[in-house]
């Protein structure tokens, strides 16, 4: 990323398959124009033993561990939230 391209979280978490260090290097290019605070790098365990790092506003609370059946629901809800914001 360069200085002219920025990501606006707009109070939505961005789950990725990138490492903590990779996301920390992207943090200067991420903003949040929503009301939940500055962007931060956080982690969540989806299912049994699968940890993921993600970008989210500081005030956005996602449980640290999400059991296997609910992890698919979390990903679907995230996709729906992004779709609604684009329309």
PDB file of N, CA and C in Angstrom:
ATOM      1  N   UNK A   1       0.842  -1.180   0.000  1.00  0.00           N
ATOM      2  CA  UNK A   1       0.000   0.000   0.000  1.00  0.00           C
ATOM      3  C   UNK A   1       0.881   1.234   0.000  1.00  0.00           C
ATOM      4  N   UNK A   2       0.390   2.264  -0.615  1.00  0.00           N
ATOM      5  CA  UNK A   2       1.114   3.521  -0.551  1.00  0.00           C
ATOM      6  C   UNK A   2       0.246   4.560   0.132  1.00  0.00           C
ATOM      7  N   UNK A   3       0.771   5.745   0.323  1.00  0.00           N
ATOM      8  CA  UNK A   3       0.068   6.774   1.074  1.00  0.00           C
ATOM      9  C   UNK A   3      -1.226   7.254   0.454  1.00  0.00           C
ATOM     10  N   UNK A   4      -1.428   7.032  -0.847  1.00  0.00           N
ATOM     11  CA  UNK A   4      -2.645   7.520  -1.489  1.00  0.00           C
ATOM     12  C   UNK A   4      -3.811   6.540  -1.365  1.00  0.00           C
ATOM     13  N   UNK A   5      -3.554   5.312  -0.977  1.00  0.00           N
ATOM     14  CA  UNK A   5      -4.616   4.313  -0.829  1.00  0.00           C
ATOM     15  C   UNK A   5      -4.789   3.985   0.638  1.00  0.00           C
ATOM     16  N   UNK A   6      -6.012   4.164   1.134  1.00  0.00           N
ATOM     17  CA  UNK A   6      -6.293   3.913   2.538  1.00  0.00           C
ATOM     18  C   UNK A   6      -7.531   3.028   2.647  1.00  0.00           C
ATOM     19  N   UNK A   7      -7.614   2.300   3.738  1.00  0.00           N
ATOM     20  CA  UNK A   7      -8.774   1.465   4.029  1.00  0.00           C
ATOM     21  C   UNK A   7      -9.531   2.124   5.169  1.00  0.00           C
ATOM     22  N   UNK A   8     -10.844   2.298   4.999  1.00  0.00           N
ATOM     23  CA  UNK A   8     -11.689   2.845   6.056  1.00  0.00           C
ATOM     24  C   UNK A   8     -12.529   1.706   6.625  1.00  0.00           C
ATOM     25  N   UNK A   9     -12.317   1.371   7.895  1.00  0.00           N
ATOM     26  CA  UNK A   9     -13.067   0.278   8.521  1.00  0.00           C
ATOM     27  C   UNK A   9     -14.540   0.625   8.713  1.00  0.00           C
ATOM     28  N   UNK A  10     -14.855   1.894   8.948  1.00  0.00           N
ATOM     29  CA  UNK A  10     -16.237   2.338   9.137  1.00  0.00           C
ATOM     30  C   UNK A  10     -16.972   1.462  10.156  1.00  0.00           C
ATOM     31  N   UNK A  11     -16.303   1.196  11.283  1.00  0.00           N
ATOM     32  CA  UNK A  11     -16.840   0.406  12.405  1.00  0.00           C
ATOM     33  C   UNK A  11     -17.092  -1.067  12.084  1.00  0.00           C
ATOM     34  N   UNK A  12     -16.392  -1.615  11.079  1.00  0.00           N
ATOM     35  CA  UNK A  12     -16.523  -3.029  10.724  1.00  0.00           C
ATOM     36  C   UNK A  12     -15.163  -3.700  10.879  1.00  0.00           C
ATOM     37  N   UNK A  13     -15.144  -4.904  11.440  1.00  0.00           N
ATOM     38  CA  UNK A  13     -13.897  -5.664  11.565  1.00  0.00           C
ATOM     39  C   UNK A  13     -13.511  -6.252  10.213  1.00  0.00           C
ATOM     40  N   UNK A  14     -12.209  -6.324   9.953  1.00  0.00           N
ATOM     41  CA  UNK A  14     -11.687  -6.891   8.715  1.00  0.00           C
ATOM     42  C   UNK A  14     -10.855  -8.114   9.065  1.00  0.00           C
ATOM     43  N   UNK A  15     -11.468  -9.290   8.943  1.00  0.00           N
ATOM     44  CA  UNK A  15     -10.797 -10.553   9.245  1.00  0.00           C
ATOM     45  C   UNK A  15      -9.923 -10.944   8.060  1.00  0.00           C
ATOM     46  N   UNK A  16      -8.673 -11.328   8.336  1.00  0.00           N
ATOM     47  CA  UNK A  16      -7.733 -11.659   7.266  1.00  0.00           C
ATOM     48  C   UNK A  16      -7.004 -12.958   7.587  1.00  0.00           C
ATOM     49  N   UNK A  17      -6.186 -13.391   6.654  1.00  0.00           N
ATOM     50  CA  UNK A  17      -5.311 -14.538   6.903  1.00  0.00           C
ATOM     51  C   UNK A  17      -3.865 -14.075   7.069  1.00  0.00           C
ATOM     52  N   UNK A  18      -3.666 -12.791   7.343  1.00  0.00           N
ATOM     53  CA  UNK A  18      -2.321 -12.242   7.496  1.00  0.00           C
ATOM     54  C   UNK A  18      -1.847 -12.339   8.936  1.00  0.00           C
ATOM     55  N   UNK A  19      -0.545 -12.272   9.105  1.00  0.00           N
ATOM     56  CA  UNK A  19       0.052 -12.352  10.440  1.00  0.00           C
ATOM     57  C   UNK A  19      -0.110 -11.029  11.187  1.00  0.00           C
ATOM     58  N   UNK A  20       0.144 -11.087  12.485  1.00  0.00           N
ATOM     59  CA  UNK A  20       0.074  -9.878  13.296  1.00  0.00           C
ATOM     60  C   UNK A  20       1.051  -8.827  12.774  1.00  0.00           C
ATOM     61  N   UNK A  21       2.268  -9.226  12.465  1.00  0.00           N
ATOM     62  CA  UNK A  21       3.267  -8.253  12.003  1.00  0.00           C
ATOM     63  C   UNK A  21       2.877  -7.637  10.660  1.00  0.00           C
ATOM     64  N   UNK A  22       2.273  -8.426   9.771  1.00  0.00           N
ATOM     65  CA  UNK A  22       1.821  -7.886   8.484  1.00  0.00           C
ATOM     66  C   UNK A  22       0.724  -6.847   8.691  1.00  0.00           C
ATOM     67  N   UNK A  23      -0.213  -7.135   9.590  1.00  0.00           N
ATOM     68  CA  UNK A  23      -1.292  -6.180   9.851  1.00  0.00           C
ATOM     69  C   UNK A  23      -0.774  -4.927  10.547  1.00  0.00           C
ATOM     70  N   UNK A  24       0.188  -5.097  11.448  1.00  0.00           N
ATOM     71  CA  UNK A  24       0.778  -3.926  12.106  1.00  0.00           C
ATOM     72  C   UNK A  24       1.454  -3.013  11.089  1.00  0.00           C
ATOM     73  N   UNK A  25       2.055  -3.584  10.060  1.00  0.00           N
ATOM     74  CA  UNK A  25       2.695  -2.754   9.036  1.00  0.00           C
ATOM     75  C   UNK A  25       1.664  -2.028   8.168  1.00  0.00           C
ATOM     76  N   UNK A  26       0.438  -2.554   8.080  1.00  0.00           N
ATOM     77  CA  UNK A  26      -0.632  -1.904   7.319  1.00  0.00           C
ATOM     78  C   UNK A  26      -1.373  -0.842   8.127  1.00  0.00           C
ATOM     79  N   UNK A  27      -1.262  -0.900   9.432  1.00  0.00           N
ATOM     80  CA  UNK A  27      -2.038  -0.021  10.312  1.00  0.00           C
ATOM     81  C   UNK A  27      -1.936   1.467   9.967  1.00  0.00           C
ATOM     82  N   UNK A  28      -0.780   1.987   9.552  1.00  0.00           N
ATOM     83  CA  UNK A  28      -0.725   3.410   9.190  1.00  0.00           C
ATOM     84  C   UNK A  28      -1.620   3.784   8.008  1.00  0.00           C
ATOM     85  N   UNK A  29      -2.052   2.805   7.224  1.00  0.00           N
ATOM     86  CA  UNK A  29      -2.884   3.055   6.047  1.00  0.00           C
ATOM     87  C   UNK A  29      -4.361   2.762   6.292  1.00  0.00           C
ATOM     88  N   UNK A  30      -4.725   2.511   7.546  1.00  0.00           N
ATOM     89  CA  UNK A  30      -6.100   2.160   7.896  1.00  0.00           C
ATOM     90  C   UNK A  30      -6.688   3.257   8.771  1.00  0.00           C
ATOM     91  N   UNK A  31      -7.915   3.664   8.448  1.00  0.00           N
ATOM     92  CA  UNK A  31      -8.633   4.648   9.253  1.00  0.00           C
ATOM     93  C   UNK A  31      -9.972   4.052   9.677  1.00  0.00           C
ATOM     94  N   UNK A  32     -10.641   4.745  10.572  1.00  0.00           N
ATOM     95  CA  UNK A  32     -11.998   4.376  10.959  1.00  0.00           C
ATOM     96  C   UNK A  32     -12.793   5.661  11.115  1.00  0.00           C
ATOM     97  N   UNK A  33     -13.700   5.927  10.188  1.00  0.00           N
ATOM     98  CA  UNK A  33     -14.518   7.133  10.272  1.00  0.00           C
ATOM     99  C   UNK A  33     -15.773   6.901  11.107  1.00  0.00           C
ATOM    100  N   UNK A  34     -15.931   5.694  11.625  1.00  0.00           N
ATOM    101  CA  UNK A  34     -17.067   5.390  12.499  1.00  0.00           C
ATOM    102  C   UNK A  34     -16.834   5.951  13.892  1.00  0.00           C
ATOM    103  N   UNK A  35     -17.626   5.493  14.834  1.00  0.00           N
ATOM    104  CA  UNK A  35     -17.599   6.042  16.197  1.00  0.00           C
ATOM    105  C   UNK A  35     -16.901   5.148  17.218  1.00  0.00           C
ATOM    106  N   UNK A  36     -16.341   4.019  16.800  1.00  0.00           N
ATOM    107  CA  UNK A  36     -15.801   3.052  17.760  1.00  0.00           C
ATOM    108  C   UNK A  36     -14.303   3.187  18.025  1.00  0.00           C
ATOM    109  N   UNK A  37     -13.681   4.245  17.555  1.00  0.00           N
ATOM    110  CA  UNK A  37     -12.280   4.490  17.883  1.00  0.00           C
ATOM    111  C   UNK A  37     -11.312   4.158  16.771  1.00  0.00           C
ATOM    112  N   UNK A  38     -10.046   4.325  17.099  1.00  0.00           N
ATOM    113  CA  UNK A  38      -8.964   4.127  16.132  1.00  0.00           C
ATOM    114  C   UNK A  38      -8.814   2.654  15.760  1.00  0.00           C
ATOM    115  N   UNK A  39      -8.275   2.374  14.576  1.00  0.00           N
ATOM    116  CA  UNK A  39      -8.031   0.987  14.169  1.00  0.00           C
ATOM    117  C   UNK A  39      -6.997   0.311  15.060  1.00  0.00           C
ATOM    118  N   UNK A  40      -7.177  -0.982  15.276  1.00  0.00           N
ATOM    119  CA  UNK A  40      -6.253  -1.766  16.094  1.00  0.00           C
ATOM    120  C   UNK A  40      -6.139  -3.168  15.502  1.00  0.00           C
ATOM    121  N   UNK A  41      -5.050  -3.852  15.830  1.00  0.00           N
ATOM    122  CA  UNK A  41      -4.856  -5.245  15.424  1.00  0.00           C
ATOM    123  C   UNK A  41      -5.293  -6.121  16.590  1.00  0.00           C
ATOM    124  N   UNK A  42      -6.216  -7.059  16.325  1.00  0.00           N
ATOM    125  CA  UNK A  42      -6.758  -7.937  17.361  1.00  0.00           C
ATOM    126  C   UNK A  42      -6.697  -9.379  16.872  1.00  0.00           C
ATOM    127  N   UNK A  43      -6.986 -10.323  17.772  1.00  0.00           N
ATOM    128  CA  UNK A  43      -6.994 -11.736  17.371  1.00  0.00           C
ATOM    129  C   UNK A  43      -8.267 -12.415  17.859  1.00  0.00           C
ATOM    130  N   UNK A  44      -8.638 -13.490  17.158  1.00  0.00           N
ATOM    131  CA  UNK A  44      -9.815 -14.277  17.514  1.00  0.00           C
ATOM    132  C   UNK A  44      -9.524 -15.737  17.175  1.00  0.00           C
ATOM    133  N   UNK A  45     -10.049 -16.638  17.996  1.00  0.00           N
ATOM    134  CA  UNK A  45      -9.924 -18.068  17.718  1.00  0.00           C
ATOM    135  C   UNK A  45     -11.246 -18.549  17.146  1.00  0.00           C
ATOM    136  N   UNK A  46     -11.215 -19.016  15.891  1.00  0.00           N
ATOM    137  CA  UNK A  46     -12.405 -19.558  15.251  1.00  0.00           C
ATOM    138  C   UNK A  46     -12.302 -21.070  15.262  1.00  0.00           C
ATOM    139  N   UNK A  47     -13.261 -21.705  15.892  1.00  0.00           N
ATOM    140  CA  UNK A  47     -13.212 -23.154  15.991  1.00  0.00           C
ATOM    141  C   UNK A  47     -12.158 -23.592  16.990  1.00  0.00           C
ATOM    142  N   UNK A  48     -11.596 -24.759  16.773  1.00  0.00           N
ATOM    143  CA  UNK A  48     -10.628 -25.319  17.703  1.00  0.00           C
ATOM    144  C   UNK A  48      -9.210 -25.087  17.195  1.00  0.00           C
ATOM    145  N   UNK A  49      -8.506 -24.176  17.827  1.00  0.00           N
ATOM    146  CA  UNK A  49      -7.095 -23.963  17.536  1.00  0.00           C
ATOM    147  C   UNK A  49      -6.758 -23.130  16.321  1.00  0.00           C
ATOM    148  N   UNK A  50      -7.707 -22.520  15.656  1.00  0.00           N
ATOM    149  CA  UNK A  50      -7.427 -21.683  14.485  1.00  0.00           C
ATOM    150  C   UNK A  50      -7.496 -20.213  14.878  1.00  0.00           C
ATOM    151  N   UNK A  51      -6.337 -19.604  15.066  1.00  0.00           N
ATOM    152  CA  UNK A  51      -6.272 -18.194  15.449  1.00  0.00           C
ATOM    153  C   UNK A  51      -6.113 -17.324  14.216  1.00  0.00           C
ATOM    154  N   UNK A  52      -6.819 -16.209  14.200  1.00  0.00           N
ATOM    155  CA  UNK A  52      -6.744 -15.252  13.102  1.00  0.00           C
ATOM    156  C   UNK A  52      -6.514 -13.861  13.672  1.00  0.00           C
ATOM    157  N   UNK A  53      -5.719 -13.085  12.967  1.00  0.00           N
ATOM    158  CA  UNK A  53      -5.513 -11.682  13.313  1.00  0.00           C
ATOM    159  C   UNK A  53      -6.423 -10.852  12.431  1.00  0.00           C
ATOM    160  N   UNK A  54      -6.944  -9.767  12.969  1.00  0.00           N
ATOM    161  CA  UNK A  54      -7.834  -8.921  12.187  1.00  0.00           C
ATOM    162  C   UNK A  54      -7.665  -7.469  12.586  1.00  0.00           C
ATOM    163  N   UNK A  55      -8.151  -6.587  11.724  1.00  0.00           N
ATOM    164  CA  UNK A  55      -8.178  -5.153  11.994  1.00  0.00           C
ATOM    165  C   UNK A  55      -9.586  -4.786  12.424  1.00  0.00           C
ATOM    166  N   UNK A  56      -9.694  -3.967  13.458  1.00  0.00           N
ATOM    167  CA  UNK A  56     -11.003  -3.533  13.934  1.00  0.00           C
ATOM    168  C   UNK A  56     -10.834  -2.250  14.735  1.00  0.00           C
ATOM    169  N   UNK A  57     -11.892  -1.459  14.838  1.00  0.00           N
ATOM    170  CA  UNK A  57     -11.838  -0.295  15.720  1.00  0.00           C
ATOM    171  C   UNK A  57     -11.628  -0.752  17.164  1.00  0.00           C
ATOM    172  N   UNK A  58     -10.935   0.065  17.947  1.00  0.00           N
ATOM    173  CA  UNK A  58     -10.640  -0.294  19.343  1.00  0.00           C
ATOM    174  C   UNK A  58     -11.894  -0.649  20.131  1.00  0.00           C
ATOM    175  N   UNK A  59     -12.996   0.032  19.881  1.00  0.00           N
ATOM    176  CA  UNK A  59     -14.215  -0.187  20.646  1.00  0.00           C
ATOM    177  C   UNK A  59     -15.077  -1.342  20.177  1.00  0.00           C
ATOM    178  N   UNK A  60     -14.720  -1.986  19.079  1.00  0.00           N
ATOM    179  CA  UNK A  60     -15.493  -3.121  18.574  1.00  0.00           C
ATOM    180  C   UNK A  60     -15.116  -4.368  19.356  1.00  0.00           C
ATOM    181  N   UNK A  61     -16.109  -5.011  19.956  1.00  0.00           N
ATOM    182  CA  UNK A  61     -15.844  -6.173  20.804  1.00  0.00           C
ATOM    183  C   UNK A  61     -16.330  -7.440  20.105  1.00  0.00           C
ATOM    184  N   UNK A  62     -15.397  -8.349  19.857  1.00  0.00           N
ATOM    185  CA  UNK A  62     -15.700  -9.679  19.329  1.00  0.00           C
ATOM    186  C   UNK A  62     -15.169 -10.656  20.363  1.00  0.00           C
ATOM    187  N   UNK A  63     -15.953 -11.662  20.762  1.00  0.00           N
ATOM    188  CA  UNK A  63     -15.430 -12.635  21.734  1.00  0.00           C
ATOM    189  C   UNK A  63     -14.107 -13.218  21.248  1.00  0.00           C
ATOM    190  N   UNK A  64     -13.175 -13.439  22.169  1.00  0.00           N
ATOM    191  CA  UNK A  64     -11.847 -13.920  21.788  1.00  0.00           C
ATOM    192  C   UNK A  64     -11.877 -15.329  21.205  1.00  0.00           C
ATOM    193  N   UNK A  65     -12.820 -16.156  21.667  1.00  0.00           N
ATOM    194  CA  UNK A  65     -12.943 -17.523  21.151  1.00  0.00           C
ATOM    195  C   UNK A  65     -14.375 -17.728  20.663  1.00  0.00           C
ATOM    196  N   UNK A  66     -14.515 -18.155  19.414  1.00  0.00           N
ATOM    197  CA  UNK A  66     -15.830 -18.416  18.840  1.00  0.00           C
ATOM    198  C   UNK A  66     -15.883 -19.900  18.492  1.00  0.00           C
ATOM    199  N   UNK A  67     -16.802 -20.677  19.121  1.00  0.00           N
ATOM    200  CA  UNK A  67     -16.880 -22.120  18.868  1.00  0.00           C
ATOM    201  C   UNK A  67     -17.155 -22.428  17.396  1.00  0.00           C
ATOM    202  N   UNK A  68     -16.803 -23.632  16.978  1.00  0.00           N
ATOM    203  CA  UNK A  68     -16.894 -24.047  15.574  1.00  0.00           C
ATOM    204  C   UNK A  68     -18.241 -23.758  14.912  1.00  0.00           C
ATOM    205  N   UNK A  69     -19.391 -24.157  15.473  1.00  0.00           N
ATOM    206  CA  UNK A  69     -20.648 -23.903  14.759  1.00  0.00           C
ATOM    207  C   UNK A  69     -20.917 -22.416  14.544  1.00  0.00           C
ATOM    208  N   UNK A  70     -20.479 -21.585  15.469  1.00  0.00           N
ATOM    209  CA  UNK A  70     -20.755 -20.154  15.360  1.00  0.00           C
ATOM    210  C   UNK A  70     -19.765 -19.441  14.451  1.00  0.00           C
ATOM    211  N   UNK A  71     -18.608 -20.030  14.192  1.00  0.00           N
ATOM    212  CA  UNK A  71     -17.598 -19.333  13.396  1.00  0.00           C
ATOM    213  C   UNK A  71     -18.082 -19.075  11.970  1.00  0.00           C
ATOM    214  N   UNK A  72     -18.820 -20.002  11.386  1.00  0.00           N
ATOM    215  CA  UNK A  72     -19.369 -19.787  10.054  1.00  0.00           C
ATOM    216  C   UNK A  72     -20.386 -18.653  10.083  1.00  0.00           C
ATOM    217  N   UNK A  73     -21.212 -18.602  11.120  1.00  0.00           N
ATOM    218  CA  UNK A  73     -22.201 -17.532  11.243  1.00  0.00           C
ATOM    219  C   UNK A  73     -21.522 -16.171  11.343  1.00  0.00           C
ATOM    220  N   UNK A  74     -20.419 -16.088  12.073  1.00  0.00           N
ATOM    221  CA  UNK A  74     -19.690 -14.824  12.202  1.00  0.00           C
ATOM    222  C   UNK A  74     -19.186 -14.362  10.840  1.00  0.00           C
ATOM    223  N   UNK A  75     -18.631 -15.268  10.065  1.00  0.00           N
ATOM    224  CA  UNK A  75     -18.128 -14.899   8.742  1.00  0.00           C
ATOM    225  C   UNK A  75     -19.267 -14.469   7.814  1.00  0.00           C
ATOM    226  N   UNK A  76     -20.409 -15.149   7.883  1.00  0.00           N
ATOM    227  CA  UNK A  76     -21.551 -14.775   7.050  1.00  0.00           C
ATOM    228  C   UNK A  76     -22.104 -13.412   7.442  1.00  0.00           C
ATOM    229  N   UNK A  77     -22.197 -13.142   8.740  1.00  0.00           N
ATOM    230  CA  UNK A  77     -22.681 -11.836   9.194  1.00  0.00           C
ATOM    231  C   UNK A  77     -21.744 -10.724   8.744  1.00  0.00           C
ATOM    232  N   UNK A  78     -20.450 -10.977   8.790  1.00  0.00           N
ATOM    233  CA  UNK A  78     -19.484  -9.990   8.317  1.00  0.00           C
ATOM    234  C   UNK A  78     -19.654  -9.695   6.837  1.00  0.00           C
ATOM    235  N   UNK A  79     -19.866 -10.734   6.050  1.00  0.00           N
ATOM    236  CA  UNK A  79     -20.066 -10.551   4.611  1.00  0.00           C
ATOM    237  C   UNK A  79     -21.343  -9.767   4.332  1.00  0.00           C
ATOM    238  N   UNK A  80     -22.405 -10.052   5.077  1.00  0.00           N
ATOM    239  CA  UNK A  80     -23.656  -9.310   4.907  1.00  0.00           C
ATOM    240  C   UNK A  80     -23.497  -7.846   5.293  1.00  0.00           C
ATOM    241  N   UNK A  81     -22.770  -7.582   6.371  1.00  0.00           N
ATOM    242  CA  UNK A  81     -22.553  -6.199   6.805  1.00  0.00           C
ATOM    243  C   UNK A  81     -21.796  -5.417   5.742  1.00  0.00           C
ATOM    244  N   UNK A  82     -20.781  -6.023   5.155  1.00  0.00           N
ATOM    245  CA  UNK A  82     -20.031  -5.343   4.096  1.00  0.00           C
ATOM    246  C   UNK A  82     -20.896  -5.104   2.871  1.00  0.00           C
ATOM    247  N   UNK A  83     -21.723  -6.075   2.532  1.00  0.00           N
ATOM    248  CA  UNK A  83     -22.591  -5.924   1.363  1.00  0.00           C
ATOM    249  C   UNK A  83     -23.577  -4.774   1.567  1.00  0.00           C
ATOM    250  N   UNK A  84     -24.154  -4.669   2.771  1.00  0.00           N
ATOM    251  CA  UNK A  84     -25.105  -3.589   3.050  1.00  0.00           C
ATOM    252  C   UNK A  84     -24.438  -2.227   2.971  1.00  0.00           C
ATOM    253  N   UNK A  85     -23.189  -2.123   3.406  1.00  0.00           N
ATOM    254  CA  UNK A  85     -22.491  -0.837   3.373  1.00  0.00           C
ATOM    255  C   UNK A  85     -22.142  -0.419   1.952  1.00  0.00           C
ATOM    256  N   UNK A  86     -21.995  -1.371   1.042  1.00  0.00           N
ATOM    257  CA  UNK A  86     -21.654  -1.050  -0.345  1.00  0.00           C
ATOM    258  C   UNK A  86     -22.866  -0.619  -1.144  1.00  0.00           C
ATOM    259  N   UNK A  87     -24.068  -1.014  -0.725  1.00  0.00           N
ATOM    260  CA  UNK A  87     -25.294  -0.707  -1.481  1.00  0.00           C
ATOM    261  C   UNK A  87     -25.740   0.699  -1.208  1.00  0.00           C
TER     262      UNK A  87
END
